[in-house]
PDB file of N, CA and C in Angstrom:
ATOM      1  N   MET A   1      -5.251 -25.227   0.170  1.00  0.00           N
ATOM      2  CA  MET A   1      -4.867 -23.837   0.306  1.00  0.00           C
ATOM      3  C   MET A   1      -3.375 -23.757   0.628  1.00  0.00           C
ATOM      4  N   ALA A   2      -2.679 -22.856  -0.050  1.00  0.00           N
ATOM      5  CA  ALA A   2      -1.244 -22.675   0.186  1.00  0.00           C
ATOM      6  C   ALA A   2      -1.005 -21.990   1.525  1.00  0.00           C
ATOM      7  N   ARG A   3       0.112 -22.286   2.125  1.00  0.00           N
ATOM      8  CA  ARG A   3       0.472 -21.633   3.390  1.00  0.00           C
ATOM      9  C   ARG A   3       0.926 -20.209   3.109  1.00  0.00           C
ATOM     10  N   ARG A   4       0.585 -19.305   4.014  1.00  0.00           N
ATOM     11  CA  ARG A   4       1.040 -17.925   3.899  1.00  0.00           C
ATOM     12  C   ARG A   4       1.756 -17.551   5.192  1.00  0.00           C
ATOM     13  N   TYR A   5       2.757 -16.711   5.061  1.00  0.00           N
ATOM     14  CA  TYR A   5       3.598 -16.316   6.193  1.00  0.00           C
ATOM     15  C   TYR A   5       3.509 -14.815   6.403  1.00  0.00           C
ATOM     16  N   TRP A   6       3.639 -14.407   7.651  1.00  0.00           N
ATOM     17  CA  TRP A   6       3.573 -13.008   8.052  1.00  0.00           C
ATOM     18  C   TRP A   6       4.758 -12.707   8.968  1.00  0.00           C
ATOM     19  N   VAL A   7       5.227 -11.473   8.949  1.00  0.00           N
ATOM     20  CA  VAL A   7       6.258 -11.008   9.875  1.00  0.00           C
ATOM     21  C   VAL A   7       5.592  -9.981  10.783  1.00  0.00           C
ATOM     22  N   LEU A   8       5.661 -10.224  12.086  1.00  0.00           N
ATOM     23  CA  LEU A   8       5.012  -9.377  13.088  1.00  0.00           C
ATOM     24  C   LEU A   8       6.041  -8.877  14.079  1.00  0.00           C
ATOM     25  N   GLY A   9       5.839  -7.675  14.576  1.00  0.00           N
ATOM     26  CA  GLY A   9       6.746  -7.193  15.612  1.00  0.00           C
ATOM     27  C   GLY A   9       6.588  -5.719  15.876  1.00  0.00           C
ATOM     28  N   GLY A  10       7.611  -5.186  16.515  1.00  0.00           N
ATOM     29  CA  GLY A  10       7.626  -3.781  16.870  1.00  0.00           C
ATOM     30  C   GLY A  10       8.569  -3.552  18.037  1.00  0.00           C
ATOM     31  N   GLU A  11       8.408  -2.385  18.639  1.00  0.00           N
ATOM     32  CA  GLU A  11       9.230  -2.026  19.794  1.00  0.00           C
ATOM     33  C   GLU A  11       8.486  -2.440  21.066  1.00  0.00           C
ATOM     34  N   TYR A  12       9.196  -3.100  21.960  1.00  0.00           N
ATOM     35  CA  TYR A  12       8.606  -3.558  23.220  1.00  0.00           C
ATOM     36  C   TYR A  12       9.028  -2.642  24.363  1.00  0.00           C
ATOM     37  N   ARG A  13       8.256  -2.674  25.441  1.00  0.00           N
ATOM     38  CA  ARG A  13       8.533  -1.801  26.596  1.00  0.00           C
ATOM     39  C   ARG A  13       9.868  -2.130  27.260  1.00  0.00           C
ATOM     40  N   ASP A  14      10.239  -3.415  27.276  1.00  0.00           N
ATOM     41  CA  ASP A  14      11.501  -3.821  27.892  1.00  0.00           C
ATOM     42  C   ASP A  14      11.965  -5.126  27.251  1.00  0.00           C
ATOM     43  N   CYS A  15      13.061  -5.647  27.725  1.00  0.00           N
ATOM     44  CA  CYS A  15      13.661  -6.853  27.125  1.00  0.00           C
ATOM     45  C   CYS A  15      12.971  -8.151  27.516  1.00  0.00           C
ATOM     46  N   ARG A  16      11.874  -8.076  28.251  1.00  0.00           N
ATOM     47  CA  ARG A  16      11.069  -9.277  28.495  1.00  0.00           C
ATOM     48  C   ARG A  16      10.147  -9.551  27.314  1.00  0.00           C
ATOM     49  N   PHE A  17       9.951  -8.565  26.453  1.00  0.00           N
ATOM     50  CA  PHE A  17       9.141  -8.675  25.238  1.00  0.00           C
ATOM     51  C   PHE A  17       7.712  -9.123  25.532  1.00  0.00           C
ATOM     52  N   ASP A  18       7.140  -8.574  26.610  1.00  0.00           N
ATOM     53  CA  ASP A  18       5.768  -8.911  26.993  1.00  0.00           C
ATOM     54  C   ASP A  18       4.739  -7.949  26.405  1.00  0.00           C
ATOM     55  N   GLU A  19       5.129  -6.694  26.195  1.00  0.00           N
ATOM     56  CA  GLU A  19       4.165  -5.671  25.797  1.00  0.00           C
ATOM     57  C   GLU A  19       4.754  -4.757  24.722  1.00  0.00           C
ATOM     58  N   VAL A  20       4.064  -4.680  23.588  1.00  0.00           N
ATOM     59  CA  VAL A  20       4.500  -3.806  22.492  1.00  0.00           C
ATOM     60  C   VAL A  20       4.111  -2.370  22.816  1.00  0.00           C
ATOM     61  N   VAL A  21       5.003  -1.433  22.511  1.00  0.00           N
ATOM     62  CA  VAL A  21       4.705  -0.016  22.679  1.00  0.00           C
ATOM     63  C   VAL A  21       3.623   0.347  21.649  1.00  0.00           C
ATOM     64  N   PRO A  22       2.483   0.879  22.106  1.00  0.00           N
ATOM     65  CA  PRO A  22       1.415   1.214  21.169  1.00  0.00           C
ATOM     66  C   PRO A  22       1.913   2.144  20.051  1.00  0.00           C
ATOM     67  N   GLY A  23       1.486   1.831  18.842  1.00  0.00           N
ATOM     68  CA  GLY A  23       1.859   2.633  17.689  1.00  0.00           C
ATOM     69  C   GLY A  23       3.114   2.165  16.975  1.00  0.00           C
ATOM     70  N   THR A  24       3.825   1.199  17.562  1.00  0.00           N
ATOM     71  CA  THR A  24       5.048   0.704  16.923  1.00  0.00           C
ATOM     72  C   THR A  24       4.845  -0.655  16.256  1.00  0.00           C
ATOM     73  N   GLU A  25       3.646  -1.195  16.356  1.00  0.00           N
ATOM     74  CA  GLU A  25       3.372  -2.519  15.796  1.00  0.00           C
ATOM     75  C   GLU A  25       3.560  -2.494  14.280  1.00  0.00           C
ATOM     76  N   GLU A  26       4.129  -3.569  13.750  1.00  0.00           N
ATOM     77  CA  GLU A  26       4.295  -3.707  12.306  1.00  0.00           C
ATOM     78  C   GLU A  26       3.863  -5.096  11.883  1.00  0.00           C
ATOM     79  N   ILE A  27       3.162  -5.154  10.765  1.00  0.00           N
ATOM     80  CA  ILE A  27       2.754  -6.418  10.163  1.00  0.00           C
ATOM     81  C   ILE A  27       3.160  -6.353   8.702  1.00  0.00           C
ATOM     82  N   SER A  28       3.925  -7.339   8.252  1.00  0.00           N
ATOM     83  CA  SER A  28       4.330  -7.416   6.845  1.00  0.00           C
ATOM     84  C   SER A  28       3.853  -8.741   6.282  1.00  0.00           C
ATOM     85  N   GLY A  29       3.336  -8.697   5.079  1.00  0.00           N
ATOM     86  CA  GLY A  29       2.892  -9.922   4.435  1.00  0.00           C
ATOM     87  C   GLY A  29       1.542  -9.733   3.808  1.00  0.00           C
ATOM     88  N   PRO A  30       0.978 -10.784   3.321  1.00  0.00           N
ATOM     89  CA  PRO A  30       1.436 -12.154   3.422  1.00  0.00           C
ATOM     90  C   PRO A  30       2.536 -12.469   2.415  1.00  0.00           C
ATOM     91  N   PHE A  31       3.340 -13.464   2.761  1.00  0.00           N
ATOM     92  CA  PHE A  31       4.399 -13.961   1.885  1.00  0.00           C
ATOM     93  C   PHE A  31       4.049 -15.392   1.489  1.00  0.00           C
ATOM     94  N   PRO A  32       4.286 -15.750   0.233  1.00  0.00           N
ATOM     95  CA  PRO A  32       3.896 -17.077  -0.246  1.00  0.00           C
ATOM     96  C   PRO A  32       4.803 -18.214   0.226  1.00  0.00           C
ATOM     97  N   ASP A  33       5.996 -17.852   0.715  1.00  0.00           N
ATOM     98  CA  ASP A  33       6.904 -18.906   1.178  1.00  0.00           C
ATOM     99  C   ASP A  33       7.784 -18.381   2.302  1.00  0.00           C
ATOM    100  N   LEU A  34       8.375 -19.326   3.031  1.00  0.00           N
ATOM    101  CA  LEU A  34       9.185 -18.986   4.192  1.00  0.00           C
ATOM    102  C   LEU A  34      10.431 -18.199   3.812  1.00  0.00           C
ATOM    103  N   THR A  35      10.998 -18.463   2.651  1.00  0.00           N
ATOM    104  CA  THR A  35      12.202 -17.748   2.222  1.00  0.00           C
ATOM    105  C   THR A  35      11.933 -16.258   2.096  1.00  0.00           C
ATOM    106  N   ARG A  36      10.826 -15.893   1.495  1.00  0.00           N
ATOM    107  CA  ARG A  36      10.490 -14.464   1.353  1.00  0.00           C
ATOM    108  C   ARG A  36      10.176 -13.833   2.704  1.00  0.00           C
ATOM    109  N   ALA A  37       9.525 -14.579   3.584  1.00  0.00           N
ATOM    110  CA  ALA A  37       9.252 -14.063   4.929  1.00  0.00           C
ATOM    111  C   ALA A  37      10.557 -13.843   5.694  1.00  0.00           C
ATOM    112  N   ARG A  38      11.520 -14.752   5.555  1.00  0.00           N
ATOM    113  CA  ARG A  38      12.812 -14.595   6.236  1.00  0.00           C
ATOM    114  C   ARG A  38      13.574 -13.388   5.704  1.00  0.00           C
ATOM    115  N   THR A  39      13.463 -13.130   4.420  1.00  0.00           N
ATOM    116  CA  THR A  39      14.112 -11.949   3.842  1.00  0.00           C
ATOM    117  C   THR A  39      13.547 -10.674   4.472  1.00  0.00           C
ATOM    118  N   GLU A  40      12.233 -10.613   4.621  1.00  0.00           N
ATOM    119  CA  GLU A  40      11.604  -9.443   5.249  1.00  0.00           C
ATOM    120  C   GLU A  40      11.967  -9.374   6.727  1.00  0.00           C
ATOM    121  N   TRP A  41      11.989 -10.521   7.414  1.00  0.00           N
ATOM    122  CA  TRP A  41      12.377 -10.542   8.828  1.00  0.00           C
ATOM    123  C   TRP A  41      13.794  -9.990   8.993  1.00  0.00           C
ATOM    124  N   THR A  42      14.698 -10.396   8.125  1.00  0.00           N
ATOM    125  CA  THR A  42      16.086  -9.912   8.182  1.00  0.00           C
ATOM    126  C   THR A  42      16.142  -8.413   7.960  1.00  0.00           C
ATOM    127  N   ARG A  43      15.407  -7.933   6.969  1.00  0.00           N
ATOM    128  CA  ARG A  43      15.401  -6.494   6.683  1.00  0.00           C
ATOM    129  C   ARG A  43      14.914  -5.693   7.895  1.00  0.00           C
ATOM    130  N   LEU A  44      13.816  -6.129   8.485  1.00  0.00           N
ATOM    131  CA  LEU A  44      13.262  -5.411   9.638  1.00  0.00           C
ATOM    132  C   LEU A  44      14.144  -5.546  10.876  1.00  0.00           C
ATOM    133  N   SER A  45      14.650  -6.744  11.127  1.00  0.00           N
ATOM    134  CA  SER A  45      15.429  -6.998  12.336  1.00  0.00           C
ATOM    135  C   SER A  45      16.747  -6.239  12.360  1.00  0.00           C
ATOM    136  N   PHE A  46      17.351  -6.056  11.207  1.00  0.00           N
ATOM    137  CA  PHE A  46      18.659  -5.403  11.157  1.00  0.00           C
ATOM    138  C   PHE A  46      18.591  -3.967  10.674  1.00  0.00           C
ATOM    139  N   ARG A  47      17.386  -3.430  10.535  1.00  0.00           N
ATOM    140  CA  ARG A  47      17.202  -2.040  10.113  1.00  0.00           C
ATOM    141  C   ARG A  47      17.838  -1.083  11.120  1.00  0.00           C
ATOM    142  N   ASP A  48      17.666  -1.369  12.397  1.00  0.00           N
ATOM    143  CA  ASP A  48      18.272  -0.553  13.454  1.00  0.00           C
ATOM    144  C   ASP A  48      18.906  -1.509  14.458  1.00  0.00           C
ATOM    145  N   ARG A  49      20.146  -1.801  14.286  1.00  0.00           N
ATOM    146  CA  ARG A  49      20.829  -2.802  15.106  1.00  0.00           C
ATOM    147  C   ARG A  49      20.978  -2.406  16.574  1.00  0.00           C
ATOM    148  N   LEU A  50      20.793  -1.145  16.896  1.00  0.00           N
ATOM    149  CA  LEU A  50      20.964  -0.692  18.278  1.00  0.00           C
ATOM    150  C   LEU A  50      19.674  -0.770  19.089  1.00  0.00           C
ATOM    151  N   ALA A  51      18.586  -1.159  18.488  1.00  0.00           N
ATOM    152  CA  ALA A  51      17.297  -1.195  19.182  1.00  0.00           C
ATOM    153  C   ALA A  51      17.131  -2.543  19.896  1.00  0.00           C
ATOM    154  N   ALA A  52      17.600  -2.615  21.131  1.00  0.00           N
ATOM    155  CA  ALA A  52      17.574  -3.878  21.885  1.00  0.00           C
ATOM    156  C   ALA A  52      16.160  -4.334  22.222  1.00  0.00           C
ATOM    157  N   THR A  53      15.196  -3.432  22.208  1.00  0.00           N
ATOM    158  CA  THR A  53      13.833  -3.808  22.574  1.00  0.00           C
ATOM    159  C   THR A  53      12.914  -3.946  21.358  1.00  0.00           C
ATOM    160  N   THR A  54      13.490  -4.055  20.187  1.00  0.00           N
ATOM    161  CA  THR A  54      12.704  -4.282  18.973  1.00  0.00           C
ATOM    162  C   THR A  54      12.863  -5.740  18.564  1.00  0.00           C
ATOM    163  N   ARG A  55      11.726  -6.375  18.266  1.00  0.00           N
ATOM    164  CA  ARG A  55      11.759  -7.800  17.921  1.00  0.00           C
ATOM    165  C   ARG A  55      10.696  -8.085  16.864  1.00  0.00           C
ATOM    166  N   TYR A  56      11.049  -9.004  15.969  1.00  0.00           N
ATOM    167  CA  TYR A  56      10.124  -9.468  14.929  1.00  0.00           C
ATOM    168  C   TYR A  56      10.110 -10.987  14.914  1.00  0.00           C
ATOM    169  N   VAL A  57       8.976 -11.554  14.563  1.00  0.00           N
ATOM    170  CA  VAL A  57       8.831 -13.001  14.451  1.00  0.00           C
ATOM    171  C   VAL A  57       8.123 -13.324  13.139  1.00  0.00           C
ATOM    172  N   ILE A  58       8.328 -14.552  12.674  1.00  0.00           N
ATOM    173  CA  ILE A  58       7.615 -15.043  11.502  1.00  0.00           C
ATOM    174  C   ILE A  58       6.530 -15.982  11.994  1.00  0.00           C
ATOM    175  N   THR A  59       5.341 -15.799  11.484  1.00  0.00           N
ATOM    176  CA  THR A  59       4.234 -16.684  11.838  1.00  0.00           C
ATOM    177  C   THR A  59       3.590 -17.218  10.566  1.00  0.00           C
ATOM    178  N   GLN A  60       2.912 -18.321  10.705  1.00  0.00           N
ATOM    179  CA  GLN A  60       2.283 -18.984   9.569  1.00  0.00           C
ATOM    180  C   GLN A  60       0.791 -19.094   9.839  1.00  0.00           C
ATOM    181  N   GLU A  61      -0.010 -18.835   8.832  1.00  0.00           N
ATOM    182  CA  GLU A  61      -1.451 -18.989   8.998  1.00  0.00           C
ATOM    183  C   GLU A  61      -1.797 -20.452   9.228  1.00  0.00           C
ATOM    184  N   ALA A  62      -2.803 -20.672  10.024  1.00  0.00           N
ATOM    185  CA  ALA A  62      -3.294 -22.034  10.238  1.00  0.00           C
ATOM    186  C   ALA A  62      -3.978 -22.526   8.970  1.00  0.00           C
ATOM    187  N   ARG A  63      -3.830 -23.775   8.689  1.00  0.00           N
ATOM    188  CA  ARG A  63      -4.495 -24.354   7.509  1.00  0.00           C
ATOM    189  C   ARG A  63      -5.986 -24.456   7.767  1.00  0.00           C
ATOM    190  N   ALA A  64      -6.739 -24.186   6.722  1.00  0.00           N
ATOM    191  CA  ALA A  64      -8.207 -24.260   6.833  1.00  0.00           C
ATOM    192  C   ALA A  64      -8.680 -25.698   6.777  1.00  0.00           C
TER     193      ALA A  64
END
């Protein structure tokens, strides 16, 4: 099975990034390769450069 990548994130309550503000969660994907996931991560991360409490990460599905 091929690896698939996802971009997850949203707005957090504070800069500790412990708790996402309900309703702001975003999930993008799946992406067939890391390059495409990074492109989406860049788009989301720099969409609003002033949002200090917004964060996105790339994750990979576990292999079956």
